[in-house]
Amino acid sequence: MIQIIYENSFETNELFPEVLIYITEVLTLEEIKDQGELDSTENALELLIDNFSYFEMEFMSNIKIFISKFEKLLSYALLPINNDAKNTILSLKTKTVRALSEIISYSDNTEIFEPLIFKILETTLQAFENSNEIGSINENEVIKIKINITIKYKV
């Protein structure tokens, strides 16, 4: 619903500050304690993925805070809210990786993301391994991860 409202106001650019505030509020939650917080987190990640270029500068000014949150999202093993925990966690992690890949593709300082590389790779591998299982995450999620990963290294 949030994404639909946001897309409808795209032409006027009037909701960019509000959307960034929403994303920031959601990503600063300490824990995901219920289905509502999980849904909000996934919505915030989708908004970040789809619209990062419009508020890149503002978001990057607090990137260190967000990196620790992304690390936490990629570290979840269990969420106390869902019967289908494996797919729920993998969905959350794949959206987190997609958001990170979008951010990294705009970043001039990719070294700050190095602590997350193994978790990003682990999530990507899990997504590929589970993409053929019945009831698994959508194959499009795996394709989006594959397309979006653009981590740069200095050799």
Protein backbone atom coordinates (compact mmCIF):
# COMPACT_ATOMS: atom_id res chain seq x y z
CA MET A 1 0.00 0.00 0.00
CA ILE A 2 2.79 2.42 0.93
CA GLN A 3 4.56 1.70 -2.36
CA ILE A 4 1.35 2.36 -4.35
CA ILE A 5 0.79 5.71 -2.65
CA TYR A 6 4.42 6.61 -3.21
CA GLU A 7 4.32 5.66 -6.89
CA ASN A 8 1.19 7.76 -7.40
CA SER A 9 3.00 10.86 -6.15
CA PHE A 10 6.19 10.14 -8.10
CA GLU A 11 5.71 12.95 -10.60
CA THR A 12 5.58 15.65 -7.94
CA ASN A 13 8.51 14.42 -5.80
CA GLU A 14 6.50 15.47 -2.77
CA LEU A 15 6.94 12.33 -0.69
CA PHE A 16 10.70 11.81 -0.89
CA PRO A 17 11.43 13.31 2.56
CA GLU A 18 8.53 11.43 4.15
CA VAL A 19 9.58 8.15 2.58
CA LEU A 20 13.15 8.59 3.80
CA ILE A 21 11.84 9.36 7.30
CA TYR A 22 9.69 6.19 7.16
CA ILE A 23 12.64 4.07 5.99
CA THR A 24 14.87 5.54 8.68
CA GLU A 25 12.30 4.93 11.44
CA VAL A 26 11.75 1.34 10.38
CA LEU A 27 15.44 0.55 9.97
CA THR A 28 16.20 1.92 13.43
CA LEU A 29 13.87 -0.54 15.17
CA GLU A 30 15.90 -2.63 17.60
CA GLU A 31 14.23 -5.97 16.87
CA ILE A 32 11.52 -7.39 14.65
CA LYS A 33 9.01 -8.56 17.24
CA ASP A 34 5.81 -9.12 15.29
CA GLN A 35 4.36 -9.53 11.82
CA GLY A 36 3.63 -5.79 11.55
CA GLU A 37 7.28 -4.90 12.15
CA LEU A 38 8.37 -7.56 9.67
CA ASP A 39 5.98 -6.18 7.05
CA SER A 40 7.18 -2.62 7.75
CA THR A 41 10.81 -3.69 7.42
CA GLU A 42 10.18 -5.44 4.12
CA ASN A 43 8.21 -2.42 2.84
CA ALA A 44 11.01 -0.07 3.87
CA LEU A 45 13.57 -2.25 2.09
CA GLU A 46 11.45 -2.31 -1.08
CA LEU A 47 11.07 1.46 -0.99
CA LEU A 48 14.82 1.80 -0.51
CA ILE A 49 15.53 -0.54 -3.41
CA ASP A 50 13.15 1.20 -5.79
CA ASN A 51 13.92 4.81 -4.87
CA PHE A 52 17.41 5.00 -3.43
CA SER A 53 18.74 7.31 -6.12
CA TYR A 54 16.27 10.04 -5.11
CA PHE A 55 17.57 10.35 -1.55
CA GLU A 56 21.05 8.89 -1.85
CA MET A 57 22.89 11.86 -0.26
CA GLU A 58 20.62 12.04 2.79
CA PHE A 59 20.71 8.29 3.34
CA MET A 60 24.47 8.01 2.93
CA SER A 61 25.05 10.66 5.59
CA ASN A 62 23.95 8.07 8.20
CA ILE A 63 25.25 4.97 6.46
CA LYS A 64 27.20 3.61 9.44
CA ILE A 65 24.01 3.34 11.47
CA PHE A 66 22.29 1.55 8.61
CA ILE A 67 25.19 -0.83 8.01
CA SER A 68 24.83 -2.20 11.53
CA LYS A 69 21.09 -2.67 10.93
CA PHE A 70 21.71 -4.44 7.62
CA GLU A 71 24.22 -6.69 9.35
CA LYS A 72 21.61 -7.54 11.96
CA LEU A 73 18.97 -8.27 9.30
CA LEU A 74 21.40 -10.58 7.50
CA SER A 75 22.20 -12.36 10.78
CA TYR A 76 18.66 -13.38 11.72
CA ALA A 77 18.34 -17.11 12.18
CA LEU A 78 14.84 -17.10 13.65
CA LEU A 79 11.95 -14.69 13.88
CA PRO A 80 9.39 -15.36 16.63
CA ILE A 81 6.42 -14.49 14.44
CA ASN A 82 5.85 -16.89 11.60
CA ASN A 83 5.13 -20.55 10.93
CA ASP A 84 7.05 -20.41 7.65
CA ALA A 85 10.21 -19.10 9.30
CA LYS A 86 12.71 -20.37 6.73
CA ASN A 87 11.10 -18.56 3.81
CA THR A 88 10.29 -15.47 5.87
CA ILE A 89 13.89 -15.06 6.99
CA LEU A 90 15.25 -15.77 3.51
CA SER A 91 12.83 -13.24 2.00
CA LEU A 92 13.94 -10.62 4.52
CA LYS A 93 17.60 -11.39 3.88
CA THR A 94 17.25 -11.27 0.08
CA LYS A 95 15.52 -7.90 0.28
CA THR A 96 18.33 -6.71 2.54
CA VAL A 97 20.94 -7.87 0.02
CA ARG A 98 19.05 -6.19 -2.82
CA ALA A 99 18.93 -2.95 -0.81
CA LEU A 100 22.63 -3.21 -0.05
CA SER A 101 23.51 -3.85 -3.68
CA GLU A 102 21.54 -0.77 -4.69
CA ILE A 103 23.35 1.33 -2.07
CA ILE A 104 26.75 -0.11 -2.97
CA SER A 105 26.23 0.63 -6.66
CA TYR A 106 25.92 4.34 -5.78
CA SER A 107 28.67 4.41 -3.18
CA ASP A 108 32.08 5.99 -3.67
CA ASN A 109 33.42 4.28 -0.55
CA THR A 110 32.61 0.59 -0.96
CA GLU A 111 35.18 -0.44 1.66
CA ILE A 112 32.68 0.37 4.42
CA PHE A 113 30.59 -2.57 3.21
CA GLU A 114 33.40 -5.14 3.43
CA PRO A 115 32.27 -6.53 6.83
CA LEU A 116 29.00 -7.57 5.16
CA ILE A 117 30.47 -9.37 2.15
CA PHE A 118 30.35 -12.90 3.59
CA LYS A 119 26.78 -12.45 4.80
CA ILE A 120 25.78 -11.09 1.39
CA LEU A 121 27.40 -14.07 -0.33
CA GLU A 122 25.86 -16.52 2.15
CA THR A 123 22.38 -15.08 1.56
CA THR A 124 22.87 -15.17 -2.19
CA LEU A 125 23.91 -18.83 -2.01
CA GLN A 126 20.90 -19.67 0.19
CA ALA A 127 18.59 -17.94 -2.26
CA PHE A 128 20.02 -19.90 -5.19
CA GLU A 129 19.85 -23.19 -3.30
CA ASN A 130 16.26 -22.60 -2.22
CA SER A 131 14.97 -21.13 -5.47
CA ASN A 132 13.91 -24.54 -6.78
CA GLU A 133 12.15 -25.71 -3.63
CA ILE A 134 8.37 -25.68 -3.56
CA GLY A 135 7.07 -22.75 -1.53
CA SER A 136 10.42 -21.04 -1.72
CA ILE A 137 11.10 -17.41 -2.48
CA ASN A 138 10.21 -16.22 -5.92
CA GLU A 139 12.83 -16.95 -8.58
CA ASN A 140 12.69 -13.26 -9.51
CA GLU A 141 14.20 -12.44 -6.10
CA VAL A 142 17.22 -14.58 -6.96
CA ILE A 143 17.56 -12.95 -10.37
CA LYS A 144 17.34 -9.47 -8.80
CA ILE A 145 20.10 -10.36 -6.34
CA LYS A 146 22.31 -11.70 -9.11
CA ILE A 147 21.80 -8.62 -11.28
CA ASN A 148 22.23 -6.09 -8.48
CA ILE A 149 25.38 -7.34 -6.74
CA THR A 150 28.09 -4.89 -7.77
CA ILE A 151 30.65 -4.90 -4.98
CA LYS A 152 33.93 -3.20 -5.97
CA TYR A 153 37.35 -3.93 -4.54
CA LYS A 154 40.65 -2.15 -4.73
CA VAL A 155 43.42 -4.59 -5.55
